[in-house]
Amino acid sequence: MVMSLALDDSITIRRPPDQVWRVLTDWPNATRWMKSVEGIEGDSVPRAGAEVFIISRGKRRAATLADVQPGESLCIEAGAAGIKGRYRFALEAVGDDATTVRLRASCSGTGLRRPLAAMIRSAIKRVDGHLLARLKGAVESAGRPAAVNDNG
């Protein structure tokens, strides 16, 4: 099944890749930056082939971590009834203290589901168009060092 691109976005986050990865794969706290999701359940250490469950609009749906390169990339795939979706996150270090994150989201449909896939791609762009900005906010707020008092 050929996947059609719905969203291709990138952002630079002022934190190293390990800190970005920690927030990206922190399933219990994913709702801090994934506003269209009510919850994600899965193993605390992501691995290729593992199943995760995404709760959205009151439904629990299975997804697969199709590819995991710890600290570098994560690909989540889900599908049902002739529709398949894929979200691929790629992290690239920028110097010692920043990371560029790229998100490529795609969706495809077969047979009578093809028009529905086009509608889903449009919804992905609308709903998740600000996903990386929200991830950036979550990472940068989670990684803030404690205030130092020099009035000693």
C-alpha atoms as a PDB file:
ATOM      1  CA  MET A   1       0.000   0.000   0.000  1.00  0.00           C
ATOM      2  CA  VAL A   2       1.523   3.315  -1.099  1.00  0.00           C
ATOM      3  CA  MET A   3       1.335   5.979   1.609  1.00  0.00           C
ATOM      4  CA  SER A   4       0.442   9.564   0.692  1.00  0.00           C
ATOM      5  CA  LEU A   5       2.028  12.346   2.705  1.00  0.00           C
ATOM      6  CA  ALA A   6      -0.347  14.344   4.901  1.00  0.00           C
ATOM      7  CA  LEU A   7       2.133  16.374   6.935  1.00  0.00           C
ATOM      8  CA  ASP A   8       5.857  17.111   6.701  1.00  0.00           C
ATOM      9  CA  ASP A   9       7.066  19.444   9.435  1.00  0.00           C
ATOM     10  CA  SER A  10      10.205  20.129  11.430  1.00  0.00           C
ATOM     11  CA  ILE A  11      11.203  22.217  14.424  1.00  0.00           C
ATOM     12  CA  THR A  12      14.344  22.842  16.429  1.00  0.00           C
ATOM     13  CA  ILE A  13      14.089  22.274  20.174  1.00  0.00           C
ATOM     14  CA  ARG A  14      16.642  23.784  22.561  1.00  0.00           C
ATOM     15  CA  ARG A  15      17.429  20.490  24.253  1.00  0.00           C
ATOM     16  CA  PRO A  16      19.720  17.549  23.352  1.00  0.00           C
ATOM     17  CA  PRO A  17      18.231  14.497  21.596  1.00  0.00           C
ATOM     18  CA  ASP A  18      18.123  12.345  24.764  1.00  0.00           C
ATOM     19  CA  GLN A  19      15.812  14.860  26.469  1.00  0.00           C
ATOM     20  CA  VAL A  20      13.587  15.134  23.384  1.00  0.00           C
ATOM     21  CA  TRP A  21      13.455  11.330  23.101  1.00  0.00           C
ATOM     22  CA  ARG A  22      12.433  11.009  26.762  1.00  0.00           C
ATOM     23  CA  VAL A  23       9.395  13.252  26.253  1.00  0.00           C
ATOM     24  CA  LEU A  24       8.559  11.806  22.815  1.00  0.00           C
ATOM     25  CA  THR A  25       8.378   8.266  24.241  1.00  0.00           C
ATOM     26  CA  ASP A  26       6.868   9.069  27.648  1.00  0.00           C
ATOM     27  CA  TRP A  27       3.514   7.429  26.867  1.00  0.00           C
ATOM     28  CA  PRO A  28       1.721   8.304  30.157  1.00  0.00           C
ATOM     29  CA  ASN A  29       2.443  12.022  29.603  1.00  0.00           C
ATOM     30  CA  ALA A  30       1.919  12.170  25.832  1.00  0.00           C
ATOM     31  CA  THR A  31      -1.348  14.049  26.298  1.00  0.00           C
ATOM     32  CA  ARG A  32       0.703  17.098  27.359  1.00  0.00           C
ATOM     33  CA  TRP A  33       1.594  17.643  23.714  1.00  0.00           C
ATOM     34  CA  MET A  34      -0.703  15.308  21.723  1.00  0.00           C
ATOM     35  CA  LYS A  35      -3.979  17.168  22.132  1.00  0.00           C
ATOM     36  CA  SER A  36      -5.986  14.801  19.897  1.00  0.00           C
ATOM     37  CA  VAL A  37      -5.062  11.834  22.111  1.00  0.00           C
ATOM     38  CA  GLU A  38      -6.622  10.958  25.477  1.00  0.00           C
ATOM     39  CA  GLY A  39      -3.858   8.504  26.333  1.00  0.00           C
ATOM     40  CA  ILE A  40      -1.192   6.127  25.057  1.00  0.00           C
ATOM     41  CA  GLU A  41      -0.402   2.806  26.708  1.00  0.00           C
ATOM     42  CA  GLY A  42       2.707   0.811  25.959  1.00  0.00           C
ATOM     43  CA  ASP A  43       6.006  -0.526  27.251  1.00  0.00           C
ATOM     44  CA  SER A  44       8.145   2.093  28.969  1.00  0.00           C
ATOM     45  CA  VAL A  45      11.054   1.222  26.664  1.00  0.00           C
ATOM     46  CA  PRO A  46       9.925   1.437  23.032  1.00  0.00           C
ATOM     47  CA  ARG A  47      11.145  -1.304  20.698  1.00  0.00           C
ATOM     48  CA  ALA A  48      10.442  -2.177  17.077  1.00  0.00           C
ATOM     49  CA  GLY A  49       7.452  -4.459  16.701  1.00  0.00           C
ATOM     50  CA  ALA A  50       5.939  -3.514  20.061  1.00  0.00           C
ATOM     51  CA  GLU A  51       2.256  -2.763  20.274  1.00  0.00           C
ATOM     52  CA  VAL A  52       0.965   0.459  21.805  1.00  0.00           C
ATOM     53  CA  PHE A  53      -2.620   1.476  22.375  1.00  0.00           C
ATOM     54  CA  ILE A  54      -3.817   4.947  21.450  1.00  0.00           C
ATOM     55  CA  ILE A  55      -6.962   6.215  23.139  1.00  0.00           C
ATOM     56  CA  SER A  56      -8.785   8.849  21.117  1.00  0.00           C
ATOM     57  CA  ARG A  57     -12.425   9.908  21.071  1.00  0.00           C
ATOM     58  CA  GLY A  58     -13.120   7.288  23.742  1.00  0.00           C
ATOM     59  CA  LYS A  59     -11.794   4.364  21.680  1.00  0.00           C
ATOM     60  CA  ARG A  60      -8.682   2.290  22.356  1.00  0.00           C
ATOM     61  CA  ARG A  61      -6.903   1.386  19.111  1.00  0.00           C
ATOM     62  CA  ALA A  62      -3.835  -0.785  18.612  1.00  0.00           C
ATOM     63  CA  ALA A  63      -0.796   0.611  16.820  1.00  0.00           C
ATOM     64  CA  THR A  64       2.644  -0.823  16.144  1.00  0.00           C
ATOM     65  CA  LEU A  65       6.054   0.711  16.644  1.00  0.00           C
ATOM     66  CA  ALA A  66       7.162  -0.220  13.138  1.00  0.00           C
ATOM     67  CA  ASP A  67      10.672   1.133  13.556  1.00  0.00           C
ATOM     68  CA  VAL A  68      12.555   2.353  16.620  1.00  0.00           C
ATOM     69  CA  GLN A  69      16.089   3.716  16.645  1.00  0.00           C
ATOM     70  CA  PRO A  70      16.480   4.914  20.259  1.00  0.00           C
ATOM     71  CA  GLY A  71      17.311   8.605  20.418  1.00  0.00           C
ATOM     72  CA  GLU A  72      17.047   8.929  16.627  1.00  0.00           C
ATOM     73  CA  SER A  73      13.711   7.871  15.156  1.00  0.00           C
ATOM     74  CA  LEU A  74      10.323   6.394  15.925  1.00  0.00           C
ATOM     75  CA  CYS A  75       7.668   5.185  13.489  1.00  0.00           C
ATOM     76  CA  ILE A  76       4.118   4.442  14.664  1.00  0.00           C
ATOM     77  CA  GLU A  77       1.722   2.643  12.308  1.00  0.00           C
ATOM     78  CA  ALA A  78      -1.960   1.918  12.728  1.00  0.00           C
ATOM     79  CA  GLY A  79      -4.672   0.716  10.441  1.00  0.00           C
ATOM     80  CA  ALA A  80      -8.094  -0.814  10.120  1.00  0.00           C
ATOM     81  CA  ALA A  81     -10.674  -1.562   7.443  1.00  0.00           C
ATOM     82  CA  GLY A  82      -8.587  -0.535   4.432  1.00  0.00           C
ATOM     83  CA  ILE A  83      -7.013   2.572   6.016  1.00  0.00           C
ATOM     84  CA  LYS A  84      -3.402   2.768   7.178  1.00  0.00           C
ATOM     85  CA  GLY A  85      -1.630   5.660   8.916  1.00  0.00           C
ATOM     86  CA  ARG A  86       2.001   6.271   9.759  1.00  0.00           C
ATOM     87  CA  TYR A  87       3.722   8.889  11.920  1.00  0.00           C
ATOM     88  CA  ARG A  88       7.522   9.008  11.641  1.00  0.00           C
ATOM     89  CA  PHE A  89       9.557  11.189  14.010  1.00  0.00           C
ATOM     90  CA  ALA A  90      13.260  11.733  13.264  1.00  0.00           C
ATOM     91  CA  LEU A  91      15.656  13.478  15.665  1.00  0.00           C
ATOM     92  CA  GLU A  92      18.919  15.104  14.646  1.00  0.00           C
ATOM     93  CA  ALA A  93      21.372  16.752  17.029  1.00  0.00           C
ATOM     94  CA  VAL A  94      22.197  20.401  16.353  1.00  0.00           C
ATOM     95  CA  GLY A  95      25.397  21.124  18.231  1.00  0.00           C
ATOM     96  CA  ASP A  96      25.493  19.986  21.860  1.00  0.00           C
ATOM     97  CA  ASP A  97      22.244  21.456  23.137  1.00  0.00           C
ATOM     98  CA  ALA A  98      19.561  21.384  20.442  1.00  0.00           C
ATOM     99  CA  THR A  99      17.640  18.876  18.328  1.00  0.00           C
ATOM    100  CA  THR A 100      15.790  19.203  15.072  1.00  0.00           C
ATOM    101  CA  VAL A 101      12.694  16.990  15.034  1.00  0.00           C
ATOM    102  CA  ARG A 102      11.031  16.106  11.755  1.00  0.00           C
ATOM    103  CA  LEU A 103       7.551  14.629  11.558  1.00  0.00           C
ATOM    104  CA  ARG A 104       6.255  12.958   8.427  1.00  0.00           C
ATOM    105  CA  ALA A 105       2.664  11.750   8.733  1.00  0.00           C
ATOM    106  CA  SER A 106       1.055   9.781   5.947  1.00  0.00           C
ATOM    107  CA  CYS A 107      -2.141   7.883   5.281  1.00  0.00           C
ATOM    108  CA  SER A 108      -3.478   5.605   2.585  1.00  0.00           C
ATOM    109  CA  GLY A 109      -6.630   3.756   1.750  1.00  0.00           C
ATOM    110  CA  THR A 110      -7.525   0.947  -0.585  1.00  0.00           C
ATOM    111  CA  GLY A 111     -10.623   0.371  -2.676  1.00  0.00           C
ATOM    112  CA  LEU A 112     -13.690   2.197  -1.443  1.00  0.00           C
ATOM    113  CA  ARG A 113     -11.666   3.597   1.480  1.00  0.00           C
ATOM    114  CA  ARG A 114      -9.414   5.697  -0.774  1.00  0.00           C
ATOM    115  CA  PRO A 115     -11.651   8.839  -0.572  1.00  0.00           C
ATOM    116  CA  LEU A 116     -11.816   8.446   3.208  1.00  0.00           C
ATOM    117  CA  ALA A 117      -8.005   8.364   3.361  1.00  0.00           C
ATOM    118  CA  ALA A 118      -7.908  11.731   1.567  1.00  0.00           C
ATOM    119  CA  MET A 119     -10.252  13.174   4.195  1.00  0.00           C
ATOM    120  CA  ILE A 120      -8.096  11.711   6.986  1.00  0.00           C
ATOM    121  CA  ARG A 121      -4.955  13.280   5.459  1.00  0.00           C
ATOM    122  CA  SER A 122      -6.708  16.639   5.513  1.00  0.00           C
ATOM    123  CA  ALA A 123      -7.706  16.104   9.169  1.00  0.00           C
ATOM    124  CA  ILE A 124      -4.127  15.101  10.084  1.00  0.00           C
ATOM    125  CA  LYS A 125      -2.825  18.342   8.624  1.00  0.00           C
ATOM    126  CA  ARG A 126      -5.448  20.385  10.486  1.00  0.00           C
ATOM    127  CA  VAL A 127      -5.295  18.584  13.860  1.00  0.00           C
ATOM    128  CA  ASP A 128      -1.581  17.748  14.042  1.00  0.00           C
ATOM    129  CA  GLY A 129      -0.168  20.731  12.167  1.00  0.00           C
ATOM    130  CA  HIS A 130       1.025  22.195  15.485  1.00  0.00           C
ATOM    131  CA  LEU A 131       2.112  18.895  17.035  1.00  0.00           C
ATOM    132  CA  LEU A 132       5.835  19.664  16.939  1.00  0.00           C
ATOM    133  CA  ALA A 133       5.340  23.123  18.462  1.00  0.00           C
ATOM    134  CA  ARG A 134       3.491  21.463  21.354  1.00  0.00           C
ATOM    135  CA  LEU A 135       6.256  18.832  21.664  1.00  0.00           C
ATOM    136  CA  LYS A 136       8.807  21.658  21.798  1.00  0.00           C
ATOM    137  CA  GLY A 137       6.866  23.341  24.609  1.00  0.00           C
ATOM    138  CA  ALA A 138       6.634  20.084  26.572  1.00  0.00           C
ATOM    139  CA  VAL A 139      10.334  19.275  26.143  1.00  0.00           C
ATOM    140  CA  GLU A 140      11.602  22.750  26.941  1.00  0.00           C
ATOM    141  CA  SER A 141       9.402  23.084  30.028  1.00  0.00           C
ATOM    142  CA  ALA A 142      10.291  19.562  31.264  1.00  0.00           C
ATOM    143  CA  GLY A 143      14.000  20.146  30.809  1.00  0.00           C
ATOM    144  CA  ARG A 144      14.266  23.472  32.643  1.00  0.00           C
ATOM    145  CA  PRO A 145      16.929  23.436  35.313  1.00  0.00           C
ATOM    146  CA  ALA A 146      15.902  24.433  38.827  1.00  0.00           C
ATOM    147  CA  ALA A 147      16.458  28.075  39.717  1.00  0.00           C
ATOM    148  CA  VAL A 148      19.738  28.821  41.463  1.00  0.00           C
ATOM    149  CA  ASN A 149      19.830  31.235  44.390  1.00  0.00           C
ATOM    150  CA  ASP A 150      23.193  33.024  44.639  1.00  0.00           C
ATOM    151  CA  ASN A 151      22.205  35.157  47.594  1.00  0.00           C
ATOM    152  CA  GLY A 152      24.059  32.792  49.877  1.00  0.00           C
END
